[in-house]
Amino acid sequence: LRLSCAASGSIFIINSMAWYRQAPGKQREL
């Protein structure tokens, strides 16, 4: 699979981006 994440809205600069995930009953992990 290929996930996409598009940023929009106000004028901005992206310093960094990341993907996290959270499975049922587990904490969110980087």
PDB file of all heavy atoms in Angstrom:
ATOM      1  N   LEU A   1       0.846  -1.179   0.000  1.00  0.00           N
ATOM      2  CA  LEU A   1       0.000   0.000   0.000  1.00  0.00           C
ATOM      3  C   LEU A   1       0.883   1.231   0.000  1.00  0.00           C
ATOM      4  O   LEU A   1       2.005   1.197   0.499  1.00  0.00           O
ATOM      5  CB  LEU A   1      -0.919   0.051   1.222  1.00  0.00           C
ATOM      6  CG  LEU A   1      -2.123  -0.877   1.266  1.00  0.00           C
ATOM      7  CD1 LEU A   1      -2.786  -0.784   2.642  1.00  0.00           C
ATOM      8  CD2 LEU A   1      -3.124  -0.524   0.178  1.00  0.00           C
ATOM      9  N   ARG A   2       0.356   2.315  -0.530  1.00  0.00           N
ATOM     10  CA  ARG A   2       1.053   3.590  -0.504  1.00  0.00           C
ATOM     11  C   ARG A   2       0.140   4.634   0.110  1.00  0.00           C
ATOM     12  O   ARG A   2      -0.914   4.950  -0.451  1.00  0.00           O
ATOM     13  CB  ARG A   2       1.461   4.029  -1.907  1.00  0.00           C
ATOM     14  CG  ARG A   2       2.383   5.246  -1.929  1.00  0.00           C
ATOM     15  CD  ARG A   2       2.506   5.801  -3.324  1.00  0.00           C
ATOM     16  NE  ARG A   2       3.584   6.765  -3.455  1.00  0.00           N
ATOM     17  CZ  ARG A   2       3.588   7.772  -4.323  1.00  0.00           C
ATOM     18  NH1 ARG A   2       2.566   7.940  -5.148  1.00  0.00           N
ATOM     19  NH2 ARG A   2       4.622   8.603  -4.382  1.00  0.00           N
ATOM     20  N   LEU A   3       0.541   5.160   1.253  1.00  0.00           N
ATOM     21  CA  LEU A   3      -0.218   6.186   1.940  1.00  0.00           C
ATOM     22  C   LEU A   3       0.259   7.570   1.519  1.00  0.00           C
ATOM     23  O   LEU A   3       1.450   7.778   1.289  1.00  0.00           O
ATOM     24  CB  LEU A   3      -0.076   6.051   3.454  1.00  0.00           C
ATOM     25  CG  LEU A   3      -0.413   4.689   4.066  1.00  0.00           C
ATOM     26  CD1 LEU A   3      -0.291   4.757   5.583  1.00  0.00           C
ATOM     27  CD2 LEU A   3      -1.795   4.228   3.653  1.00  0.00           C
ATOM     28  N   SER A   4      -0.678   8.507   1.441  1.00  0.00           N
ATOM     29  CA  SER A   4      -0.366   9.883   1.101  1.00  0.00           C
ATOM     30  C   SER A   4      -0.870  10.805   2.189  1.00  0.00           C
ATOM     31  O   SER A   4      -1.901  10.543   2.816  1.00  0.00           O
ATOM     32  CB  SER A   4      -1.000  10.278  -0.234  1.00  0.00           C
ATOM     33  OG  SER A   4      -0.509   9.492  -1.292  1.00  0.00           O
ATOM     34  N   CYS A   5      -0.161  11.895   2.392  1.00  0.00           N
ATOM     35  CA  CYS A   5      -0.537  12.911   3.374  1.00  0.00           C
ATOM     36  C   CYS A   5      -0.297  14.272   2.747  1.00  0.00           C
ATOM     37  O   CYS A   5       0.854  14.672   2.550  1.00  0.00           O
ATOM     38  CB  CYS A   5       0.274  12.736   4.655  1.00  0.00           C
ATOM     39  SG  CYS A   5       0.019  14.036   5.882  1.00  0.00           S
ATOM     40  N   ALA A   6      -1.363  14.986   2.456  1.00  0.00           N
ATOM     41  CA  ALA A   6      -1.279  16.281   1.795  1.00  0.00           C
ATOM     42  C   ALA A   6      -1.604  17.398   2.775  1.00  0.00           C
ATOM     43  O   ALA A   6      -2.639  17.362   3.443  1.00  0.00           O
ATOM     44  CB  ALA A   6      -2.222  16.330   0.601  1.00  0.00           C
ATOM     45  N   ALA A   7      -0.737  18.391   2.832  1.00  0.00           N
ATOM     46  CA  ALA A   7      -0.930  19.547   3.698  1.00  0.00           C
ATOM     47  C   ALA A   7      -1.472  20.714   2.891  1.00  0.00           C
ATOM     48  O   ALA A   7      -1.017  20.981   1.776  1.00  0.00           O
ATOM     49  CB  ALA A   7       0.378  19.935   4.373  1.00  0.00           C
ATOM     50  N   SER A   8      -2.424  21.430   3.461  1.00  0.00           N
ATOM     51  CA  SER A   8      -3.001  22.581   2.788  1.00  0.00           C
ATOM     52  C   SER A   8      -3.510  23.572   3.819  1.00  0.00           C
ATOM     53  O   SER A   8      -3.621  23.258   4.999  1.00  0.00           O
ATOM     54  CB  SER A   8      -4.138  22.171   1.858  1.00  0.00           C
ATOM     55  OG  SER A   8      -5.203  21.594   2.591  1.00  0.00           O
ATOM     56  N   GLY A   9      -3.841  24.781   3.355  1.00  0.00           N
ATOM     57  CA  GLY A   9      -4.395  25.790   4.233  1.00  0.00           C
ATOM     58  C   GLY A   9      -3.602  27.083   4.191  1.00  0.00           C
ATOM     59  O   GLY A   9      -3.357  27.631   3.122  1.00  0.00           O
ATOM     60  N   SER A  10      -3.200  27.549   5.347  1.00  0.00           N
ATOM     61  CA  SER A  10      -2.465  28.793   5.464  1.00  0.00           C
ATOM     62  C   SER A  10      -1.080  28.670   4.851  1.00  0.00           C
ATOM     63  O   SER A  10      -0.607  27.568   4.560  1.00  0.00           O
ATOM     64  CB  SER A  10      -2.357  29.210   6.933  1.00  0.00           C
ATOM     65  OG  SER A  10      -3.627  29.335   7.535  1.00  0.00           O
ATOM     66  N   ILE A  11      -0.445  29.809   4.657  1.00  0.00           N
ATOM     67  CA  ILE A  11       0.929  29.803   4.161  1.00  0.00           C
ATOM     68  C   ILE A  11       1.828  29.227   5.246  1.00  0.00           C
ATOM     69  O   ILE A  11       1.802  29.674   6.392  1.00  0.00           O
ATOM     70  CB  ILE A  11       1.373  31.217   3.780  1.00  0.00           C
ATOM     71  CG1 ILE A  11       0.488  31.755   2.653  1.00  0.00           C
ATOM     72  CG2 ILE A  11       2.834  31.229   3.355  1.00  0.00           C
ATOM     73  CD1 ILE A  11       0.774  33.200   2.299  1.00  0.00           C
ATOM     74  N   PHE A  12       2.626  28.246   4.878  1.00  0.00           N
ATOM     75  CA  PHE A  12       3.405  27.532   5.869  1.00  0.00           C
ATOM     76  C   PHE A  12       4.646  26.915   5.246  1.00  0.00           C
ATOM     77  O   PHE A  12       4.771  26.815   4.029  1.00  0.00           O
ATOM     78  CB  PHE A  12       2.565  26.423   6.519  1.00  0.00           C
ATOM     79  CG  PHE A  12       2.048  25.422   5.527  1.00  0.00           C
ATOM     80  CD1 PHE A  12       2.791  24.306   5.201  1.00  0.00           C
ATOM     81  CD2 PHE A  12       0.816  25.599   4.924  1.00  0.00           C
ATOM     82  CE1 PHE A  12       2.323  23.378   4.279  1.00  0.00           C
ATOM     83  CE2 PHE A  12       0.334  24.681   4.005  1.00  0.00           C
ATOM     84  CZ  PHE A  12       1.091  23.570   3.678  1.00  0.00           C
ATOM     85  N   ILE A  13       5.539  26.493   6.125  1.00  0.00           N
ATOM     86  CA  ILE A  13       6.710  25.712   5.750  1.00  0.00           C
ATOM     87  C   ILE A  13       6.708  24.450   6.591  1.00  0.00           C
ATOM     88  O   ILE A  13       6.520  24.509   7.805  1.00  0.00           O
ATOM     89  CB  ILE A  13       8.013  26.503   5.971  1.00  0.00           C
ATOM     90  CG1 ILE A  13       8.048  27.728   5.060  1.00  0.00           C
ATOM     91  CG2 ILE A  13       9.235  25.620   5.739  1.00  0.00           C
ATOM     92  CD1 ILE A  13       9.218  28.650   5.347  1.00  0.00           C
ATOM     93  N   ILE A  14       6.917  23.323   5.949  1.00  0.00           N
ATOM     94  CA  ILE A  14       6.964  22.053   6.651  1.00  0.00           C
ATOM     95  C   ILE A  14       8.404  21.762   7.053  1.00  0.00           C
ATOM     96  O   ILE A  14       9.276  21.622   6.206  1.00  0.00           O
ATOM     97  CB  ILE A  14       6.420  20.915   5.793  1.00  0.00           C
ATOM     98  CG1 ILE A  14       4.955  21.177   5.437  1.00  0.00           C
ATOM     99  CG2 ILE A  14       6.564  19.579   6.518  1.00  0.00           C
ATOM    100  CD1 ILE A  14       4.362  20.155   4.500  1.00  0.00           C
ATOM    101  N   ASN A  15       8.634  21.674   8.342  1.00  0.00           N
ATOM    102  CA  ASN A  15       9.965  21.356   8.840  1.00  0.00           C
ATOM    103  C   ASN A  15      10.251  19.859   8.765  1.00  0.00           C
ATOM    104  O   ASN A  15      11.347  19.445   8.387  1.00  0.00           O
ATOM    105  CB  ASN A  15      10.130  21.843  10.278  1.00  0.00           C
ATOM    106  CG  ASN A  15      10.046  23.344  10.403  1.00  0.00           C
ATOM    107  OD1 ASN A  15      10.555  24.084   9.559  1.00  0.00           O
ATOM    108  ND2 ASN A  15       9.388  23.810  11.462  1.00  0.00           N
ATOM    109  N   SER A  16       9.269  19.069   9.136  1.00  0.00           N
ATOM    110  CA  SER A  16       9.424  17.621   9.103  1.00  0.00           C
ATOM    111  C   SER A  16       8.051  16.980   9.044  1.00  0.00           C
ATOM    112  O   SER A  16       7.053  17.582   9.431  1.00  0.00           O
ATOM    113  CB  SER A  16      10.195  17.113  10.328  1.00  0.00           C
ATOM    114  OG  SER A  16       9.485  17.386  11.520  1.00  0.00           O
ATOM    115  N   MET A  17       8.022  15.752   8.564  1.00  0.00           N
ATOM    116  CA  MET A  17       6.785  14.991   8.527  1.00  0.00           C
ATOM    117  C   MET A  17       7.058  13.589   9.029  1.00  0.00           C
ATOM    118  O   MET A  17       8.189  13.101   8.948  1.00  0.00           O
ATOM    119  CB  MET A  17       6.196  14.954   7.118  1.00  0.00           C
ATOM    120  CG  MET A  17       5.865  16.328   6.570  1.00  0.00           C
ATOM    121  SD  MET A  17       4.925  16.305   5.020  1.00  0.00           S
ATOM    122  CE  MET A  17       3.277  15.927   5.651  1.00  0.00           C
ATOM    123  N   ALA A  18       6.024  12.967   9.541  1.00  0.00           N
ATOM    124  CA  ALA A  18       6.176  11.648  10.122  1.00  0.00           C
ATOM    125  C   ALA A  18       4.890  10.854   9.971  1.00  0.00           C
ATOM    126  O   ALA A  18       3.804  11.415   9.786  1.00  0.00           O
ATOM    127  CB  ALA A  18       6.559  11.743  11.599  1.00  0.00           C
ATOM    128  N   TRP A  19       5.043   9.556  10.042  1.00  0.00           N
ATOM    129  CA  TRP A  19       3.912   8.642  10.092  1.00  0.00           C
ATOM    130  C   TRP A  19       3.925   7.900  11.422  1.00  0.00           C
ATOM    131  O   TRP A  19       4.970   7.389  11.842  1.00  0.00           O
ATOM    132  CB  TRP A  19       3.952   7.628   8.953  1.00  0.00           C
ATOM    133  CG  TRP A  19       3.639   8.217   7.619  1.00  0.00           C
ATOM    134  CD1 TRP A  19       4.513   8.668   6.682  1.00  0.00           C
ATOM    135  CD2 TRP A  19       2.333   8.404   7.065  1.00  0.00           C
ATOM    136  NE1 TRP A  19       3.854   9.135   5.581  1.00  0.00           N
ATOM    137  CE2 TRP A  19       2.501   8.987   5.783  1.00  0.00           C
ATOM    138  CE3 TRP A  19       1.043   8.142   7.511  1.00  0.00           C
ATOM    139  CZ2 TRP A  19       1.428   9.308   4.959  1.00  0.00           C
ATOM    140  CZ3 TRP A  19      -0.026   8.466   6.692  1.00  0.00           C
ATOM    141  CH2 TRP A  19       0.170   9.040   5.436  1.00  0.00           C
ATOM    142  N   TYR A  20       2.785   7.874  12.067  1.00  0.00           N
ATOM    143  CA  TYR A  20       2.556   7.094  13.272  1.00  0.00           C
ATOM    144  C   TYR A  20       1.491   6.051  12.984  1.00  0.00           C
ATOM    145  O   TYR A  20       0.755   6.142  11.999  1.00  0.00           O
ATOM    146  CB  TYR A  20       2.078   7.980  14.421  1.00  0.00           C
ATOM    147  CG  TYR A  20       3.102   8.941  14.986  1.00  0.00           C
ATOM    148  CD1 TYR A  20       3.473  10.088  14.297  1.00  0.00           C
ATOM    149  CD2 TYR A  20       3.677   8.714  16.234  1.00  0.00           C
ATOM    150  CE1 TYR A  20       4.394  10.976  14.821  1.00  0.00           C
ATOM    151  CE2 TYR A  20       4.597   9.596  16.773  1.00  0.00           C
ATOM    152  CZ  TYR A  20       4.949  10.728  16.061  1.00  0.00           C
ATOM    153  OH  TYR A  20       5.861  11.604  16.599  1.00  0.00           O
ATOM    154  N   ARG A  21       1.396   5.076  13.871  1.00  0.00           N
ATOM    155  CA  ARG A  21       0.310   4.125  13.766  1.00  0.00           C
ATOM    156  C   ARG A  21      -0.149   3.714  15.156  1.00  0.00           C
ATOM    157  O   ARG A  21       0.606   3.760  16.119  1.00  0.00           O
ATOM    158  CB  ARG A  21       0.711   2.888  12.958  1.00  0.00           C
ATOM    159  CG  ARG A  21       1.747   1.992  13.613  1.00  0.00           C
ATOM    160  CD  ARG A  21       2.154   0.878  12.665  1.00  0.00           C
ATOM    161  NE  ARG A  21       3.109  -0.031  13.260  1.00  0.00           N
ATOM    162  CZ  ARG A  21       3.726  -1.011  12.605  1.00  0.00           C
ATOM    163  NH1 ARG A  21       3.480  -1.205  11.315  1.00  0.00           N
ATOM    164  NH2 ARG A  21       4.584  -1.802  13.244  1.00  0.00           N
ATOM    165  N   GLN A  22      -1.404   3.313  15.229  1.00  0.00           N
ATOM    166  CA  GLN A  22      -1.975   2.868  16.486  1.00  0.00           C
ATOM    167  C   GLN A  22      -2.900   1.690  16.228  1.00  0.00           C
ATOM    168  O   GLN A  22      -3.893   1.821  15.512  1.00  0.00           O
ATOM    169  CB  GLN A  22      -2.734   3.998  17.182  1.00  0.00           C
ATOM    170  CG  GLN A  22      -3.213   3.649  18.573  1.00  0.00           C
ATOM    171  CD  GLN A  22      -3.675   4.867  19.352  1.00  0.00           C
ATOM    172  OE1 GLN A  22      -4.066   5.879  18.767  1.00  0.00           O
ATOM    173  NE2 GLN A  22      -3.624   4.781  20.666  1.00  0.00           N
ATOM    174  N   ALA A  23      -2.555   0.566  16.808  1.00  0.00           N
ATOM    175  CA  ALA A  23      -3.375  -0.630  16.724  1.00  0.00           C
ATOM    176  C   ALA A  23      -4.312  -0.678  17.925  1.00  0.00           C
ATOM    177  O   ALA A  23      -4.030  -0.082  18.970  1.00  0.00           O
ATOM    178  CB  ALA A  23      -2.497  -1.876  16.681  1.00  0.00           C
ATOM    179  N   PRO A  24      -5.431  -1.391  17.805  1.00  0.00           N
ATOM    180  CA  PRO A  24      -6.364  -1.487  18.933  1.00  0.00           C
ATOM    181  C   PRO A  24      -5.686  -2.008  20.189  1.00  0.00           C
ATOM    182  O   PRO A  24      -4.969  -3.006  20.157  1.00  0.00           O
ATOM    183  CB  PRO A  24      -7.424  -2.468  18.424  1.00  0.00           C
ATOM    184  CG  PRO A  24      -7.380  -2.324  16.939  1.00  0.00           C
ATOM    185  CD  PRO A  24      -5.929  -2.087  16.614  1.00  0.00           C
ATOM    186  N   GLY A  25      -5.891  -1.314  21.297  1.00  0.00           N
ATOM    187  CA  GLY A  25      -5.325  -1.723  22.561  1.00  0.00           C
ATOM    188  C   GLY A  25      -3.860  -1.401  22.750  1.00  0.00           C
ATOM    189  O   GLY A  25      -3.284  -1.769  23.775  1.00  0.00           O
ATOM    190  N   LYS A  26      -3.249  -0.722  21.788  1.00  0.00           N
ATOM    191  CA  LYS A  26      -1.843  -0.382  21.875  1.00  0.00           C
ATOM    192  C   LYS A  26      -1.646   1.129  21.803  1.00  0.00           C
ATOM    193  O   LYS A  26      -2.509   1.863  21.332  1.00  0.00           O
ATOM    194  CB  LYS A  26      -1.052  -1.052  20.756  1.00  0.00           C
ATOM    195  CG  LYS A  26      -1.067  -2.574  20.793  1.00  0.00           C
ATOM    196  CD  LYS A  26      -0.206  -3.150  19.692  1.00  0.00           C
ATOM    197  CE  LYS A  26      -0.190  -4.660  19.735  1.00  0.00           C
ATOM    198  NZ  LYS A  26       0.650  -5.230  18.646  1.00  0.00           N
ATOM    199  N   GLN A  27      -0.504   1.570  22.284  1.00  0.00           N
ATOM    200  CA  GLN A  27      -0.167   2.979  22.208  1.00  0.00           C
ATOM    201  C   GLN A  27       0.285   3.351  20.802  1.00  0.00           C
ATOM    202  O   GLN A  27       0.761   2.518  20.037  1.00  0.00           O
ATOM    203  CB  GLN A  27       0.931   3.326  23.216  1.00  0.00           C
ATOM    204  CG  GLN A  27       0.506   3.213  24.670  1.00  0.00           C
ATOM    205  CD  GLN A  27       1.558   3.744  25.619  1.00  0.00           C
ATOM    206  OE1 GLN A  27       2.710   3.962  25.237  1.00  0.00           O
ATOM    207  NE2 GLN A  27       1.169   3.963  26.861  1.00  0.00           N
ATOM    208  N   ARG A  28       0.124   4.613  20.492  1.00  0.00           N
ATOM    209  CA  ARG A  28       0.579   5.110  19.204  1.00  0.00           C
ATOM    210  C   ARG A  28       2.106   5.054  19.143  1.00  0.00           C
ATOM    211  O   ARG A  28       2.789   5.418  20.102  1.00  0.00           O
ATOM    212  CB  ARG A  28       0.087   6.536  18.997  1.00  0.00           C
ATOM    213  CG  ARG A  28       0.338   7.089  17.603  1.00  0.00           C
ATOM    214  CD  ARG A  28      -0.372   8.431  17.409  1.00  0.00           C
ATOM    215  NE  ARG A  28      -1.814   8.299  17.545  1.00  0.00           N
ATOM    216  CZ  ARG A  28      -2.682   9.284  17.344  1.00  0.00           C
ATOM    217  NH1 ARG A  28      -2.252  10.484  16.979  1.00  0.00           N
ATOM    218  NH2 ARG A  28      -3.977   9.082  17.499  1.00  0.00           N
ATOM    219  N   GLU A  29       2.636   4.594  18.011  1.00  0.00           N
ATOM    220  CA  GLU A  29       4.065   4.479  17.855  1.00  0.00           C
ATOM    221  C   GLU A  29       4.525   5.180  16.584  1.00  0.00           C
ATOM    222  O   GLU A  29       3.802   5.233  15.586  1.00  0.00           O
ATOM    223  CB  GLU A  29       4.515   3.015  17.845  1.00  0.00           C
ATOM    224  CG  GLU A  29       3.956   2.189  16.703  1.00  0.00           C
ATOM    225  CD  GLU A  29       4.389   0.736  16.758  1.00  0.00           C
ATOM    226  OE1 GLU A  29       5.265   0.391  17.576  1.00  0.00           O
ATOM    227  OE2 GLU A  29       3.848  -0.070  15.967  1.00  0.00           O
ATOM    228  N   LEU A  30       5.730   5.681  16.635  1.00  0.00           N
ATOM    229  CA  LEU A  30       6.325   6.358  15.487  1.00  0.00           C
ATOM    230  C   LEU A  30       6.829   5.326  14.497  1.00  0.00           C
ATOM    231  O   LEU A  30       7.635   4.463  14.849  1.00  0.00           O
ATOM    232  CB  LEU A  30       7.462   7.264  15.950  1.00  0.00           C
ATOM    233  CG  LEU A  30       8.240   8.025  14.874  1.00  0.00           C
ATOM    234  CD1 LEU A  30       7.328   8.983  14.120  1.00  0.00           C
ATOM    235  CD2 LEU A  30       9.401   8.778  15.506  1.00  0.00           C
TER     236      LEU A  30
END
